[in-house]
């Protein structure tokens, strides 16, 4: 597998490949042994009952997976398409706040081809929570709830952002008020 540039094929750096799948990693995570794998591949290995590191075959005292953000960003920068026509995250959030429609944000956060670093940066933005929470009482309620559910369940969103989402006060709509 390689990246094509002006008729040339560029080889994939070996450290961008998962040692299990041999594919370019989408969500690189490291084990306590220091070896980095793609999250899907190593999770499958661990879910199969394996208790050793596949590369070193050393026993794993911990199966915690630590995101390798540096490698993720390097892979993202290396694999950037020549055409950067997709909406930048900051523009997306501004458009979301003005249009009152979270469907574009839901598409952005769900897109497997989008860089997880960009998704994390967007959700950590100070204006993210107010924009989403203001939509919960609007006609776009279903998409806003889906965005919040996605933010709370995906691995690439930092725990601090998830806690902020849970704690963030939102205005109640007329339909949210408890009966008298």
Protein backbone atom coordinates (compact mmCIF):
# COMPACT_ATOMS: atom_id res chain seq x y z
CA UNK A 1 0.00 0.00 0.00
CA UNK A 2 1.32 3.39 -0.86
CA UNK A 3 0.30 6.96 -1.35
CA UNK A 4 0.38 8.21 -4.92
CA UNK A 5 1.91 11.59 -5.63
CA UNK A 6 2.22 12.92 -9.17
CA UNK A 7 2.57 9.49 -10.75
CA UNK A 8 4.91 8.18 -8.05
CA UNK A 9 3.98 5.74 -5.35
CA UNK A 10 5.35 6.59 -1.93
CA UNK A 11 5.97 3.68 0.42
CA UNK A 12 4.12 3.61 3.71
CA UNK A 13 6.52 4.10 6.62
CA UNK A 14 6.70 0.78 8.48
CA UNK A 15 5.86 2.35 11.84
CA UNK A 16 2.51 3.54 10.38
CA UNK A 17 1.48 -0.10 9.90
CA UNK A 18 -0.16 -2.18 12.60
CA UNK A 19 2.02 -5.20 13.47
CA UNK A 20 -1.11 -7.39 13.48
CA UNK A 21 -3.07 -6.30 10.40
CA UNK A 22 -0.14 -4.75 8.48
CA UNK A 23 -2.55 -1.97 7.44
CA UNK A 24 -2.01 1.74 8.09
CA UNK A 25 -3.31 2.42 11.59
CA UNK A 26 -6.46 4.52 11.96
CA UNK A 27 -6.46 4.69 15.75
CA UNK A 28 -2.99 3.80 17.07
CA UNK A 29 -2.86 2.70 20.71
CA UNK A 30 0.06 1.43 22.78
CA UNK A 31 0.21 -1.42 25.25
CA UNK A 32 2.26 -1.37 28.44
CA UNK A 33 5.02 -3.15 26.47
CA UNK A 34 5.47 0.03 24.42
CA UNK A 35 4.33 -1.54 21.14
CA UNK A 36 1.70 0.38 19.16
CA UNK A 37 -1.18 -1.33 17.34
CA UNK A 38 -4.34 -0.27 15.59
CA UNK A 39 -7.10 -0.21 18.22
CA UNK A 40 -9.39 -2.57 16.31
CA UNK A 41 -6.69 -5.20 15.79
CA UNK A 42 -5.34 -5.25 19.33
CA UNK A 43 -8.83 -5.17 20.82
CA UNK A 44 -9.74 -8.23 18.74
CA UNK A 45 -6.53 -9.94 19.98
CA UNK A 46 -7.36 -9.19 23.61
CA UNK A 47 -11.05 -10.10 23.21
CA UNK A 48 -9.95 -13.50 21.91
CA UNK A 49 -8.53 -14.25 25.37
CA UNK A 50 -4.88 -13.55 24.62
CA UNK A 51 -2.90 -12.22 27.58
CA UNK A 52 0.42 -11.55 25.85
CA UNK A 53 1.74 -8.79 23.64
CA UNK A 54 1.54 -10.10 20.04
CA UNK A 55 4.89 -8.54 19.08
CA UNK A 56 6.98 -9.38 22.13
CA UNK A 57 4.95 -12.35 23.45
CA UNK A 58 5.52 -10.95 26.96
CA UNK A 59 2.69 -11.38 29.47
CA UNK A 60 0.57 -8.25 29.84
CA UNK A 61 0.23 -7.06 33.43
CA UNK A 62 -2.24 -4.48 32.08
CA UNK A 63 -4.44 -4.47 28.99
CA UNK A 64 -5.00 -0.70 29.11
CA UNK A 65 -4.79 0.86 25.66
CA UNK A 66 -3.15 4.29 25.57
CA UNK A 67 -3.84 6.41 22.46
CA UNK A 68 -0.65 7.24 20.59
CA UNK A 69 -1.64 10.78 19.62
CA UNK A 70 1.73 11.67 18.13
CA UNK A 71 1.68 8.73 15.75
CA UNK A 72 -1.97 9.36 14.90
CA UNK A 73 -1.15 12.94 13.95
CA UNK A 74 1.89 11.88 11.90
CA UNK A 75 -0.21 9.36 9.97
CA UNK A 76 -2.89 11.97 9.44
CA UNK A 77 -0.40 14.52 8.09
CA UNK A 78 1.26 11.92 5.89
CA UNK A 79 -2.01 10.74 4.41
CA UNK A 80 -3.54 14.16 3.76
CA UNK A 81 -5.21 14.19 0.38
CA UNK A 82 -4.00 16.77 -2.08
CA UNK A 83 -7.56 18.12 -2.17
CA UNK A 84 -8.44 19.73 1.18
CA UNK A 85 -12.03 20.44 0.11
CA UNK A 86 -13.68 19.17 3.29
CA UNK A 87 -15.04 21.76 5.68
CA UNK A 88 -12.52 22.68 8.40
CA UNK A 89 -13.78 21.89 11.92
CA UNK A 90 -13.86 25.52 13.06
CA UNK A 91 -16.02 26.53 10.08
CA UNK A 92 -18.29 23.57 10.76
CA UNK A 93 -18.90 24.63 14.34
CA UNK A 94 -19.57 28.24 13.33
CA UNK A 95 -22.02 27.06 10.66
CA UNK A 96 -23.69 24.73 13.14
CA UNK A 97 -24.26 27.51 15.65
CA UNK A 98 -25.71 29.87 13.06
CA UNK A 99 -27.82 27.35 11.14
CA UNK A 100 -29.18 25.42 14.11
CA UNK A 101 -28.57 22.06 12.39
CA UNK A 102 -26.22 19.49 13.93
CA UNK A 103 -26.51 17.00 11.03
CA UNK A 104 -23.26 18.25 9.46
CA UNK A 105 -21.49 17.86 12.78
CA UNK A 106 -22.88 14.35 13.18
CA UNK A 107 -21.57 13.49 9.71
CA UNK A 108 -18.16 15.01 10.55
CA UNK A 109 -17.79 13.08 13.84
CA UNK A 110 -19.00 9.83 12.27
CA UNK A 111 -16.75 10.04 9.20
CA UNK A 112 -14.03 7.36 9.53
CA UNK A 113 -11.87 9.25 7.01
CA UNK A 114 -11.72 12.36 9.20
CA UNK A 115 -8.71 12.75 11.46
CA UNK A 116 -9.52 11.92 15.09
CA UNK A 117 -7.26 14.77 16.19
CA UNK A 118 -9.52 17.21 14.32
CA UNK A 119 -12.60 15.62 15.88
CA UNK A 120 -11.09 15.91 19.35
CA UNK A 121 -10.07 19.52 18.73
CA UNK A 122 -13.59 20.38 17.63
CA UNK A 123 -15.29 18.78 20.63
CA UNK A 124 -12.80 20.40 23.02
CA UNK A 125 -13.55 23.85 21.59
CA UNK A 126 -15.13 26.21 24.16
CA UNK A 127 -18.06 26.88 21.82
CA UNK A 128 -18.85 23.19 21.14
CA UNK A 129 -20.97 22.47 24.22
CA UNK A 130 -23.03 25.65 24.12
CA UNK A 131 -23.72 25.13 20.41
CA UNK A 132 -24.88 21.53 20.85
CA UNK A 133 -26.81 22.09 24.07
CA UNK A 134 -28.66 25.05 22.58
CA UNK A 135 -29.96 22.68 19.91
CA UNK A 136 -31.43 20.16 22.34
CA UNK A 137 -34.65 22.12 22.64
CA UNK A 138 -34.92 22.85 18.92
CA UNK A 139 -36.39 20.93 15.98
CA UNK A 140 -32.92 19.38 15.49
CA UNK A 141 -33.21 17.59 18.84
CA UNK A 142 -32.67 14.05 17.46
CA UNK A 143 -29.40 14.92 15.70
CA UNK A 144 -28.17 16.89 18.71
CA UNK A 145 -28.83 13.89 20.95
CA UNK A 146 -27.00 11.64 18.47
CA UNK A 147 -24.00 13.98 18.50
CA UNK A 148 -23.95 13.98 22.31
CA UNK A 149 -24.26 10.18 22.40
CA UNK A 150 -21.42 9.85 19.91
CA UNK A 151 -19.20 12.22 21.88
CA UNK A 152 -19.84 10.23 25.06
CA UNK A 153 -19.13 6.82 23.52
CA UNK A 154 -16.20 7.16 21.11
CA UNK A 155 -12.70 6.46 22.35
CA UNK A 156 -10.90 9.39 20.72
CA UNK A 157 -12.76 12.02 22.76
CA UNK A 158 -10.88 12.81 25.97
CA UNK A 159 -12.51 11.95 29.29
CA UNK A 160 -12.39 15.59 30.39
CA UNK A 161 -14.53 16.58 27.40
CA UNK A 162 -16.98 13.77 28.17
CA UNK A 163 -17.29 14.93 31.79
CA UNK A 164 -17.87 18.50 30.61
CA UNK A 165 -20.66 17.31 28.30
CA UNK A 166 -22.36 15.51 31.18
CA UNK A 167 -22.05 18.49 33.56
CA UNK A 168 -22.93 21.21 31.05
CA UNK A 169 -26.17 22.99 32.00
CA UNK A 170 -28.68 23.29 29.24
CA UNK A 171 -31.85 25.30 28.97
CA UNK A 172 -35.01 23.28 29.26
CA UNK A 173 -37.51 23.48 26.48
CA UNK A 174 -41.23 23.63 27.19
CA UNK A 175 -41.53 19.89 26.54
CA UNK A 176 -38.74 19.07 29.04
CA UNK A 177 -40.45 20.67 32.03
CA UNK A 178 -41.76 18.26 34.64
CA UNK A 179 -45.55 18.08 35.02
CA UNK A 180 -47.10 20.25 37.71
